[in-house]
Amino acid sequence: MKKMIELFLPMIPPTITAQQHKIGNGKFYDPQELKVAKLKIRDALIPFRPEEPFDGALRLIVKWCYPITGKHYDGEYKYTKPDTDNLNKALKDIMEDLNFFVNDSRVASEIIEKFWSEIPGIYIRLEKL
């Protein structure tokens, strides 16, 4: 079994997050924009699914690379919304659904960063500790 997966999903990362649920008829639901964002990430991840889900202590490194706007420069940290923890919640849920890991509770170490980038996308590294 592999000990590490490293990939880059070229795309404009979503700005809507898992925390932006709506309430209707007393239940939480995802607004259409969030459903579309989750599907976009899911579809991009499918080709990278491991043969077996990772288990045991894992490290997840995610770098959210947003297209440069305004006076920002390539590699500059993005310190505005969306929040990194909210971004990663949806990503980890999708990765668990696609069997990247047995359960997202296995992620014992997590590094999440946001940048402005000339090449937008999501860099992901999942490794056994």
C-alpha atoms as a PDB file:
ATOM      1  CA  MET A   1       0.000   0.000   0.000  1.00  0.00           C
ATOM      2  CA  LYS A   2       1.149   3.530  -0.770  1.00  0.00           C
ATOM      3  CA  LYS A   3       2.488   5.648   2.052  1.00  0.00           C
ATOM      4  CA  MET A   4       1.829   8.984   0.347  1.00  0.00           C
ATOM      5  CA  ILE A   5      -0.335  10.637  -2.295  1.00  0.00           C
ATOM      6  CA  GLU A   6       0.580  14.035  -3.720  1.00  0.00           C
ATOM      7  CA  LEU A   7      -1.544  15.842  -6.281  1.00  0.00           C
ATOM      8  CA  PHE A   8      -2.530  19.218  -7.676  1.00  0.00           C
ATOM      9  CA  LEU A   9      -6.059  20.021  -8.824  1.00  0.00           C
ATOM     10  CA  PRO A  10      -5.861  22.879 -11.325  1.00  0.00           C
ATOM     11  CA  MET A  11      -8.971  24.977 -10.721  1.00  0.00           C
ATOM     12  CA  ILE A  12     -10.170  28.171  -9.143  1.00  0.00           C
ATOM     13  CA  PRO A  13     -10.730  27.057  -5.547  1.00  0.00           C
ATOM     14  CA  PRO A  14     -14.168  27.662  -4.087  1.00  0.00           C
ATOM     15  CA  THR A  15     -14.808  30.596  -1.794  1.00  0.00           C
ATOM     16  CA  ILE A  16     -17.976  29.061  -0.356  1.00  0.00           C
ATOM     17  CA  THR A  17     -17.430  26.623   2.512  1.00  0.00           C
ATOM     18  CA  ALA A  18     -19.134  23.794   4.376  1.00  0.00           C
ATOM     19  CA  GLN A  19     -20.112  26.259   7.110  1.00  0.00           C
ATOM     20  CA  GLN A  20     -22.460  28.045   4.738  1.00  0.00           C
ATOM     21  CA  HIS A  21     -25.328  25.580   5.099  1.00  0.00           C
ATOM     22  CA  LYS A  22     -28.863  26.879   4.872  1.00  0.00           C
ATOM     23  CA  ILE A  23     -31.834  25.912   7.013  1.00  0.00           C
ATOM     24  CA  GLY A  24     -35.178  25.022   5.490  1.00  0.00           C
ATOM     25  CA  ASN A  25     -38.059  23.027   6.955  1.00  0.00           C
ATOM     26  CA  GLY A  26     -36.012  22.623  10.137  1.00  0.00           C
ATOM     27  CA  LYS A  27     -33.134  20.875   8.331  1.00  0.00           C
ATOM     28  CA  PHE A  28     -29.680  21.906   7.129  1.00  0.00           C
ATOM     29  CA  TYR A  29     -29.028  21.792   3.399  1.00  0.00           C
ATOM     30  CA  ASP A  30     -26.261  22.905   1.055  1.00  0.00           C
ATOM     31  CA  PRO A  31     -27.062  25.902  -1.156  1.00  0.00           C
ATOM     32  CA  GLN A  32     -26.633  25.282  -4.886  1.00  0.00           C
ATOM     33  CA  GLU A  33     -23.284  27.119  -5.025  1.00  0.00           C
ATOM     34  CA  LEU A  34     -21.853  24.821  -2.321  1.00  0.00           C
ATOM     35  CA  LYS A  35     -23.181  21.704  -4.080  1.00  0.00           C
ATOM     36  CA  VAL A  36     -21.473  22.813  -7.310  1.00  0.00           C
ATOM     37  CA  ALA A  37     -18.186  23.532  -5.483  1.00  0.00           C
ATOM     38  CA  LYS A  38     -18.210  20.114  -3.784  1.00  0.00           C
ATOM     39  CA  LEU A  39     -18.935  18.339  -7.076  1.00  0.00           C
ATOM     40  CA  LYS A  40     -16.115  20.215  -8.787  1.00  0.00           C
ATOM     41  CA  ILE A  41     -13.624  19.077  -6.144  1.00  0.00           C
ATOM     42  CA  ARG A  42     -15.038  15.553  -6.054  1.00  0.00           C
ATOM     43  CA  ASP A  43     -14.795  15.156  -9.837  1.00  0.00           C
ATOM     44  CA  ALA A  44     -11.201  16.407  -9.817  1.00  0.00           C
ATOM     45  CA  LEU A  45     -10.221  13.985  -7.011  1.00  0.00           C
ATOM     46  CA  ILE A  46     -11.782  10.827  -8.466  1.00  0.00           C
ATOM     47  CA  PRO A  47      -8.813   9.918 -10.737  1.00  0.00           C
ATOM     48  CA  PHE A  48      -6.446  10.035  -7.733  1.00  0.00           C
ATOM     49  CA  ARG A  49      -8.363   7.666  -5.431  1.00  0.00           C
ATOM     50  CA  PRO A  50      -6.073   5.114  -3.815  1.00  0.00           C
ATOM     51  CA  GLU A  51      -6.755   1.403  -4.265  1.00  0.00           C
ATOM     52  CA  GLU A  52      -7.154   1.106  -0.493  1.00  0.00           C
ATOM     53  CA  PRO A  53      -8.054   3.860   1.954  1.00  0.00           C
ATOM     54  CA  PHE A  54      -5.227   5.135   4.156  1.00  0.00           C
ATOM     55  CA  ASP A  55      -5.509   4.100   7.794  1.00  0.00           C
ATOM     56  CA  GLY A  56      -3.584   4.900  10.953  1.00  0.00           C
ATOM     57  CA  ALA A  57      -2.094   8.282  11.811  1.00  0.00           C
ATOM     58  CA  LEU A  58      -2.083  10.571   8.767  1.00  0.00           C
ATOM     59  CA  ARG A  59      -0.803  14.012   7.824  1.00  0.00           C
ATOM     60  CA  LEU A  60      -2.823  16.130   5.398  1.00  0.00           C
ATOM     61  CA  ILE A  61      -1.185  19.132   3.775  1.00  0.00           C
ATOM     62  CA  VAL A  62      -3.423  21.389   1.689  1.00  0.00           C
ATOM     63  CA  LYS A  63      -2.451  24.572  -0.112  1.00  0.00           C
ATOM     64  CA  TRP A  64      -5.361  26.555  -1.499  1.00  0.00           C
ATOM     65  CA  CYS A  65      -4.016  28.642  -4.409  1.00  0.00           C
ATOM     66  CA  TYR A  66      -6.345  31.475  -5.411  1.00  0.00           C
ATOM     67  CA  PRO A  67      -5.989  33.515  -8.625  1.00  0.00           C
ATOM     68  CA  ILE A  68      -4.143  36.760  -8.105  1.00  0.00           C
ATOM     69  CA  THR A  69      -6.330  39.848  -7.782  1.00  0.00           C
ATOM     70  CA  GLY A  70      -5.548  43.471  -7.114  1.00  0.00           C
ATOM     71  CA  LYS A  71      -2.095  44.260  -5.779  1.00  0.00           C
ATOM     72  CA  HIS A  72      -1.299  40.724  -4.629  1.00  0.00           C
ATOM     73  CA  TYR A  73       1.658  38.733  -5.900  1.00  0.00           C
ATOM     74  CA  ASP A  74       2.397  35.084  -6.636  1.00  0.00           C
ATOM     75  CA  GLY A  75       3.027  33.172  -3.405  1.00  0.00           C
ATOM     76  CA  GLU A  76       1.670  35.861  -1.080  1.00  0.00           C
ATOM     77  CA  TYR A  77      -0.383  34.445   1.788  1.00  0.00           C
ATOM     78  CA  LYS A  78      -4.129  35.060   1.410  1.00  0.00           C
ATOM     79  CA  TYR A  79      -5.423  36.269   4.775  1.00  0.00           C
ATOM     80  CA  THR A  80      -9.025  37.004   3.837  1.00  0.00           C
ATOM     81  CA  LYS A  81     -12.064  34.730   3.719  1.00  0.00           C
ATOM     82  CA  PRO A  82     -12.755  31.892   3.364  1.00  0.00           C
ATOM     83  CA  ASP A  83     -11.434  30.406   6.602  1.00  0.00           C
ATOM     84  CA  THR A  84      -8.973  27.536   6.149  1.00  0.00           C
ATOM     85  CA  ASP A  85     -10.706  25.219   8.621  1.00  0.00           C
ATOM     86  CA  ASN A  86     -14.029  25.644   6.843  1.00  0.00           C
ATOM     87  CA  LEU A  87     -12.421  25.011   3.431  1.00  0.00           C
ATOM     88  CA  ASN A  88     -10.766  21.833   4.652  1.00  0.00           C
ATOM     89  CA  LYS A  89     -13.936  20.464   6.272  1.00  0.00           C
ATOM     90  CA  ALA A  90     -15.644  19.998   2.906  1.00  0.00           C
ATOM     91  CA  LEU A  91     -12.434  18.673   1.311  1.00  0.00           C
ATOM     92  CA  LYS A  92     -11.925  16.071   4.062  1.00  0.00           C
ATOM     93  CA  ASP A  93     -15.568  14.974   3.832  1.00  0.00           C
ATOM     94  CA  ILE A  94     -15.177  14.477   0.073  1.00  0.00           C
ATOM     95  CA  MET A  95     -11.870  12.633   0.500  1.00  0.00           C
ATOM     96  CA  GLU A  96     -13.461  10.320   3.076  1.00  0.00           C
ATOM     97  CA  ASP A  97     -16.424   9.640   0.751  1.00  0.00           C
ATOM     98  CA  LEU A  98     -13.945   8.734  -2.016  1.00  0.00           C
ATOM     99  CA  ASN A  99     -12.022   6.395   0.337  1.00  0.00           C
ATOM    100  CA  PHE A 100      -8.793   8.379   0.526  1.00  0.00           C
ATOM    101  CA  PHE A 101      -8.829   7.475   4.227  1.00  0.00           C
ATOM    102  CA  VAL A 102     -10.903   5.241   6.495  1.00  0.00           C
ATOM    103  CA  ASN A 103     -12.189   8.210   8.467  1.00  0.00           C
ATOM    104  CA  ASP A 104     -11.152  11.858   8.674  1.00  0.00           C
ATOM    105  CA  SER A 105     -10.431  11.278  12.376  1.00  0.00           C
ATOM    106  CA  ARG A 106      -7.236   9.546  11.148  1.00  0.00           C
ATOM    107  CA  VAL A 107      -5.812  12.951  10.215  1.00  0.00           C
ATOM    108  CA  ALA A 108      -3.503  13.557  13.180  1.00  0.00           C
ATOM    109  CA  SER A 109      -1.501  16.364  11.581  1.00  0.00           C
ATOM    110  CA  GLU A 110      -2.943  19.020   9.322  1.00  0.00           C
ATOM    111  CA  ILE A 111      -1.269  21.906   7.542  1.00  0.00           C
ATOM    112  CA  ILE A 112      -3.596  24.264   5.686  1.00  0.00           C
ATOM    113  CA  GLU A 113      -2.426  27.362   3.825  1.00  0.00           C
ATOM    114  CA  LYS A 114      -3.991  29.875   1.432  1.00  0.00           C
ATOM    115  CA  PHE A 115      -2.020  31.772  -1.180  1.00  0.00           C
ATOM    116  CA  TRP A 116      -2.471  34.099  -4.112  1.00  0.00           C
ATOM    117  CA  SER A 117      -1.090  32.239  -7.124  1.00  0.00           C
ATOM    118  CA  GLU A 118      -0.444  32.642 -10.833  1.00  0.00           C
ATOM    119  CA  ILE A 119      -1.553  29.023 -11.180  1.00  0.00           C
ATOM    120  CA  PRO A 120      -4.773  28.553  -9.184  1.00  0.00           C
ATOM    121  CA  GLY A 121      -5.679  25.189  -7.740  1.00  0.00           C
ATOM    122  CA  ILE A 122      -5.531  22.920  -4.723  1.00  0.00           C
ATOM    123  CA  TYR A 123      -2.325  21.121  -3.744  1.00  0.00           C
ATOM    124  CA  ILE A 124      -2.919  18.042  -1.576  1.00  0.00           C
ATOM    125  CA  ARG A 125      -0.444  15.739   0.118  1.00  0.00           C
ATOM    126  CA  LEU A 126      -1.715  12.837   2.218  1.00  0.00           C
ATOM    127  CA  GLU A 127       0.851  10.681   4.003  1.00  0.00           C
ATOM    128  CA  LYS A 128       1.103   8.002   6.674  1.00  0.00           C
ATOM    129  CA  LEU A 129       2.949   9.113   9.791  1.00  0.00           C
END
